[in-house]
Amino acid sequence: MLSQPGVSTVVPGCKDTSELAAALAYCSAPHDEKRFAGKDVQWKATAKSIRERLVPELNDEFVKTQGEYETVAQLRERVEHDLRHAHEHAGERALENKVLDALVKEYDFSVPEALVQAAFEGEAGGAVRSMMARGYSENEIRKMDWGKIREDQWGRMQQLVRQYTVLDKIAEKENIAVTDEDVEKEIAHMAMHDGRPVDEFKQALIRDAKALDRIKSDLKVQKTVKFLVDAAKVEKPPAAPETAAPAAGEKPQTKRGKSTSKK
């Protein structure tokens, strides 16, 4: 509600017990406000309390609490590195997605509902952890319509299970395996992005019985996808023919058809 046009203009600057009012025009109403479509609604409320979000100062002392960094400069350097890395690998991810899409098109088969449900629960669990890290409360997360979310994502989860099934068969045939070194590197990478020391992050993984299996499974998928991308033939569109520019003072030559004349 606070993000609605009209409301957001009167909320900033209000004080305790302030009377707030705004007129909302629901010309293109959201799906959950169809009863207001095409109407002007008078909105009123009283501010009962004001809270301010306090953000810690970005200095070396704060940075030391966020992982393996000692100075703000080190943190900035890491952020810049990650942004460059993401930009450089955007093309690779696009190619990987194209390879996976082409692969699944060749294998259209039904998948067990239990596997689809497991895939959904895995993604939902990751989404919940991300929301809690951003400050969502457990109560807010519980109130979400998970049944509707499951319904909306079911088709994509089926496609994901098909991908995993095909990739697993390819990995088995090509002897693609995940080593302990691969797992250690991935855990260190995850800990760094989570802003926690590696040992502390490992302890959290131990408490989640399936976490290590998920990491190994994801790494196997990544290695198999890389194998497919490296083996894929990427056809580039033919380059447009180049025409030489005329030298200074010369007129561009044009092709003429043969002509005949009668005397």
Protein backbone atom coordinates (compact mmCIF):
# COMPACT_ATOMS: atom_id res chain seq x y z
CA MET A 1 0.00 0.00 0.00
CA LEU A 2 2.79 2.46 0.87
CA SER A 3 4.20 2.08 -2.63
CA GLN A 4 0.93 3.12 -4.30
CA PRO A 5 1.04 6.41 -6.26
CA GLY A 6 -0.32 9.16 -4.01
CA VAL A 7 0.41 7.36 -0.74
CA SER A 8 4.18 7.49 -1.15
CA THR A 9 4.03 11.26 -1.57
CA VAL A 10 2.40 11.94 1.82
CA VAL A 11 4.22 9.42 4.03
CA PRO A 12 7.75 10.97 3.98
CA GLY A 13 8.11 13.67 6.61
CA CYS A 14 5.11 12.69 8.72
CA LYS A 15 5.32 12.68 12.52
CA ASP A 16 3.76 10.55 15.24
CA THR A 17 -0.06 10.76 15.24
CA SER A 18 0.01 12.58 11.88
CA GLU A 19 -3.18 12.36 9.85
CA LEU A 20 -2.37 11.05 6.37
CA ALA A 21 -4.66 11.23 3.38
CA ALA A 22 -4.32 10.58 -0.32
CA ALA A 23 -6.49 9.97 -3.38
CA LEU A 24 -5.71 6.78 -5.26
CA ALA A 25 -6.76 6.28 -8.87
CA TYR A 26 -7.09 2.58 -9.69
CA CYS A 27 -7.28 2.91 -13.47
CA SER A 28 -5.09 -0.15 -13.98
CA ALA A 29 -5.59 -1.95 -10.68
CA PRO A 30 -3.39 -4.82 -9.48
CA HIS A 31 -4.93 -8.29 -9.70
CA ASP A 32 -5.77 -8.27 -5.98
CA GLU A 33 -7.60 -4.92 -6.12
CA LYS A 34 -10.07 -5.59 -8.96
CA ARG A 35 -12.95 -4.18 -6.90
CA PHE A 36 -11.32 -0.75 -7.12
CA ALA A 37 -10.65 -0.83 -10.89
CA GLY A 38 -11.58 2.44 -12.59
CA LYS A 39 -12.44 4.18 -9.31
CA ASP A 40 -10.90 6.96 -7.22
CA VAL A 41 -10.41 5.85 -3.61
CA GLN A 42 -9.89 8.22 -0.68
CA TRP A 43 -7.19 6.79 1.57
CA LYS A 44 -6.76 7.88 5.22
CA ALA A 45 -4.56 6.67 8.05
CA THR A 46 -2.93 7.77 11.31
CA ALA A 47 0.77 7.33 11.92
CA LYS A 48 1.11 5.59 15.30
CA SER A 49 4.88 5.21 15.33
CA ILE A 50 7.91 6.19 13.29
CA ARG A 51 10.94 3.93 12.92
CA GLU A 52 14.25 4.76 11.32
CA ARG A 53 16.53 2.19 9.73
CA LEU A 54 20.07 2.70 11.02
CA VAL A 55 22.80 1.72 8.56
CA PRO A 56 26.30 1.14 10.01
CA GLU A 57 29.10 3.38 8.80
CA LEU A 58 31.19 1.79 6.05
CA ASN A 59 34.64 1.72 7.61
CA ASP A 60 37.44 -0.78 8.26
CA GLU A 61 36.01 -1.84 11.63
CA PHE A 62 32.65 -2.73 10.06
CA VAL A 63 34.29 -4.50 7.10
CA LYS A 64 36.23 -6.79 9.47
CA THR A 65 32.92 -8.19 10.75
CA GLN A 66 31.81 -9.18 7.23
CA GLY A 67 34.27 -11.98 6.51
CA GLU A 68 37.84 -12.13 5.34
CA TYR A 69 38.26 -8.41 4.60
CA GLU A 70 40.47 -6.05 6.61
CA THR A 71 39.83 -2.72 4.88
CA VAL A 72 37.12 -0.98 2.88
CA ALA A 73 39.52 -0.94 -0.08
CA GLN A 74 39.69 -4.75 -0.05
CA LEU A 75 35.91 -5.00 0.01
CA ARG A 76 35.55 -2.53 -2.86
CA GLU A 77 38.13 -4.44 -4.88
CA ARG A 78 36.22 -7.68 -4.33
CA VAL A 79 32.90 -6.11 -5.33
CA GLU A 80 34.44 -4.65 -8.49
CA HIS A 81 35.96 -8.05 -9.31
CA ASP A 82 32.59 -9.78 -8.87
CA LEU A 83 30.82 -7.21 -11.07
CA ARG A 84 33.41 -7.61 -13.83
CA HIS A 85 33.22 -11.38 -13.50
CA ALA A 86 29.42 -11.31 -13.78
CA HIS A 87 29.57 -9.11 -16.87
CA GLU A 88 32.22 -11.23 -18.57
CA HIS A 89 30.31 -14.46 -17.93
CA ALA A 90 26.87 -13.19 -18.97
CA GLY A 91 27.51 -14.39 -22.52
CA GLU A 92 28.63 -17.79 -21.27
CA ARG A 93 25.46 -18.22 -19.24
CA ALA A 94 23.34 -17.28 -22.25
CA LEU A 95 25.13 -19.93 -24.34
CA GLU A 96 24.70 -22.51 -21.57
CA ASN A 97 20.95 -21.82 -21.46
CA LYS A 98 20.68 -22.25 -25.23
CA VAL A 99 22.54 -25.56 -25.07
CA LEU A 100 20.27 -26.80 -22.26
CA ASP A 101 17.12 -25.72 -24.09
CA ALA A 102 18.24 -27.52 -27.24
CA LEU A 103 19.16 -30.59 -25.20
CA VAL A 104 15.79 -30.89 -23.46
CA LYS A 105 13.90 -30.45 -26.74
CA GLU A 106 15.48 -33.70 -27.90
CA TYR A 107 14.19 -35.56 -24.83
CA ASP A 108 10.52 -35.00 -24.03
CA PHE A 109 9.55 -37.41 -21.28
CA SER A 110 7.40 -37.40 -18.15
CA VAL A 111 9.12 -37.02 -14.80
CA PRO A 112 8.07 -38.36 -11.37
CA GLU A 113 6.09 -35.87 -9.31
CA ALA A 114 8.26 -36.62 -6.26
CA LEU A 115 11.34 -35.32 -8.10
CA VAL A 116 9.50 -32.21 -9.25
CA GLN A 117 8.34 -31.57 -5.68
CA ALA A 118 11.90 -32.03 -4.40
CA ALA A 119 13.16 -29.53 -6.98
CA PHE A 120 10.52 -27.01 -5.91
CA GLU A 121 11.32 -27.47 -2.22
CA GLY A 122 15.01 -26.95 -2.94
CA GLU A 123 14.38 -23.66 -4.76
CA ALA A 124 11.78 -22.56 -2.22
CA GLY A 125 14.24 -23.21 0.61
CA GLY A 126 16.85 -21.06 -1.10
CA ALA A 127 14.29 -18.30 -1.62
CA VAL A 128 13.28 -18.42 2.06
CA ARG A 129 16.90 -18.17 3.22
CA SER A 130 17.44 -15.22 0.88
CA MET A 131 14.32 -13.43 2.17
CA MET A 132 15.28 -13.97 5.80
CA ALA A 133 18.74 -12.58 5.05
CA ARG A 134 17.03 -9.47 3.64
CA GLY A 135 15.02 -8.99 6.83
CA TYR A 136 11.73 -10.81 6.18
CA SER A 137 10.20 -12.35 9.31
CA GLU A 138 9.12 -15.99 9.52
CA ASN A 139 5.53 -14.83 9.94
CA GLU A 140 5.68 -12.79 6.72
CA ILE A 141 7.11 -15.75 4.83
CA ARG A 142 4.44 -18.11 6.22
CA LYS A 143 1.69 -15.79 5.01
CA MET A 144 2.87 -16.04 1.40
CA ASP A 145 0.66 -18.10 -0.91
CA TRP A 146 3.06 -21.00 -1.38
CA GLY A 147 0.36 -23.07 -3.07
CA LYS A 148 0.01 -20.44 -5.80
CA ILE A 149 3.79 -20.09 -6.09
CA ARG A 150 4.10 -23.88 -6.46
CA GLU A 151 1.42 -23.89 -9.15
CA ASP A 152 3.11 -21.08 -11.09
CA GLN A 153 6.55 -22.72 -10.90
CA TRP A 154 5.50 -26.34 -11.51
CA GLY A 155 6.10 -26.30 -15.28
CA ARG A 156 9.56 -24.80 -14.84
CA MET A 157 10.39 -27.36 -12.16
CA GLN A 158 9.40 -30.19 -14.53
CA GLN A 159 11.74 -28.76 -17.15
CA LEU A 160 14.49 -28.46 -14.55
CA VAL A 161 14.11 -32.12 -13.54
CA ARG A 162 14.31 -33.15 -17.21
CA GLN A 163 17.53 -31.17 -17.56
CA TYR A 164 19.03 -32.77 -14.45
CA THR A 165 18.01 -36.25 -15.58
CA VAL A 166 19.60 -35.88 -19.02
CA LEU A 167 22.71 -34.22 -17.61
CA ASP A 168 23.12 -36.99 -15.05
CA LYS A 169 23.07 -39.62 -17.82
CA ILE A 170 25.63 -37.65 -19.82
CA ALA A 171 27.87 -37.24 -16.75
CA GLU A 172 27.69 -40.99 -16.14
CA LYS A 173 28.59 -41.82 -19.73
CA GLU A 174 31.43 -39.29 -19.89
CA ASN A 175 32.79 -40.17 -16.42
CA ILE A 176 32.29 -36.62 -15.13
CA ALA A 177 32.79 -36.61 -11.36
CA VAL A 178 33.01 -34.09 -8.52
CA THR A 179 36.18 -34.21 -6.41
CA ASP A 180 36.65 -33.23 -2.77
CA GLU A 181 38.75 -30.31 -4.00
CA ASP A 182 35.81 -29.09 -6.11
CA VAL A 183 33.56 -29.19 -3.05
CA GLU A 184 36.06 -27.33 -0.84
CA LYS A 185 36.48 -24.57 -3.43
CA GLU A 186 32.71 -24.19 -3.81
CA ILE A 187 32.17 -24.02 -0.04
CA ALA A 188 34.87 -21.33 0.26
CA HIS A 189 33.23 -19.41 -2.58
CA MET A 190 29.78 -19.68 -0.99
CA ALA A 191 31.12 -18.62 2.42
CA MET A 192 32.75 -15.54 0.89
CA HIS A 193 29.52 -14.44 -0.80
CA ASP A 194 27.60 -15.13 2.41
CA GLY A 195 30.02 -12.91 4.33
CA ARG A 196 31.00 -15.61 6.84
CA PRO A 197 34.24 -17.41 7.70
CA VAL A 198 34.61 -20.77 5.95
CA ASP A 199 34.62 -22.79 9.20
CA GLU A 200 31.42 -21.12 10.40
CA PHE A 201 29.77 -21.71 7.03
CA LYS A 202 30.76 -25.40 7.13
CA GLN A 203 29.14 -25.78 10.54
CA ALA A 204 25.90 -24.41 9.10
CA LEU A 205 26.13 -26.97 6.28
CA ILE A 206 26.58 -29.79 8.76
CA ARG A 207 23.29 -28.85 10.40
CA ASP A 208 21.57 -29.21 7.01
CA ALA A 209 21.79 -32.92 6.21
CA LYS A 210 21.06 -32.46 2.49
CA ALA A 211 23.17 -29.35 1.90
CA LEU A 212 26.37 -31.18 0.95
CA ASP A 213 24.48 -33.45 -1.46
CA ARG A 214 22.94 -30.39 -3.12
CA ILE A 215 26.36 -28.78 -3.53
CA LYS A 216 27.80 -31.94 -5.11
CA SER A 217 24.78 -32.27 -7.39
CA ASP A 218 25.00 -28.64 -8.50
CA LEU A 219 28.74 -28.94 -9.17
CA LYS A 220 28.17 -32.07 -11.25
CA VAL A 221 25.57 -30.22 -13.30
CA GLN A 222 27.94 -27.27 -13.79
CA LYS A 223 30.79 -29.50 -14.95
CA THR A 224 28.51 -31.40 -17.32
CA VAL A 225 27.09 -28.20 -18.81
CA LYS A 226 30.64 -26.91 -19.35
CA PHE A 227 31.49 -30.18 -21.09
CA LEU A 228 28.50 -29.74 -23.43
CA VAL A 229 29.27 -26.07 -24.13
CA ASP A 230 32.90 -26.88 -24.94
CA ALA A 231 31.72 -29.62 -27.33
CA ALA A 232 28.99 -27.53 -28.93
CA LYS A 233 29.45 -26.08 -32.40
CA VAL A 234 28.61 -22.41 -32.40
CA GLU A 235 27.78 -21.15 -35.86
CA LYS A 236 28.40 -17.47 -36.43
CA PRO A 237 26.34 -15.59 -39.02
CA PRO A 238 28.26 -14.93 -42.27
CA ALA A 239 29.99 -11.58 -42.33
CA ALA A 240 28.66 -8.97 -44.71
CA PRO A 241 30.84 -8.56 -47.83
CA GLU A 242 33.22 -5.65 -47.59
CA THR A 243 33.36 -3.05 -50.33
CA ALA A 244 36.45 -0.97 -50.85
CA ALA A 245 35.95 2.75 -50.40
CA PRO A 246 36.87 4.86 -53.49
CA ALA A 247 40.10 6.82 -53.30
CA ALA A 248 39.96 10.56 -52.92
CA GLY A 249 38.87 12.21 -56.14
CA GLU A 250 37.61 8.98 -57.70
CA LYS A 251 34.02 8.31 -58.54
CA PRO A 252 32.52 5.09 -57.22
CA GLN A 253 32.28 2.45 -59.92
CA THR A 254 28.91 0.99 -60.77
CA LYS A 255 28.13 -2.16 -62.66
CA ARG A 256 26.48 -1.64 -66.02
CA GLY A 257 24.72 -4.11 -68.16
CA LYS A 258 25.72 -4.70 -71.76
CA SER A 259 23.98 -2.51 -74.31
CA THR A 260 23.68 -2.85 -78.05
CA SER A 261 22.96 -0.15 -80.58
CA LYS A 262 21.82 -0.37 -84.15
CA LYS A 263 23.40 1.88 -86.73
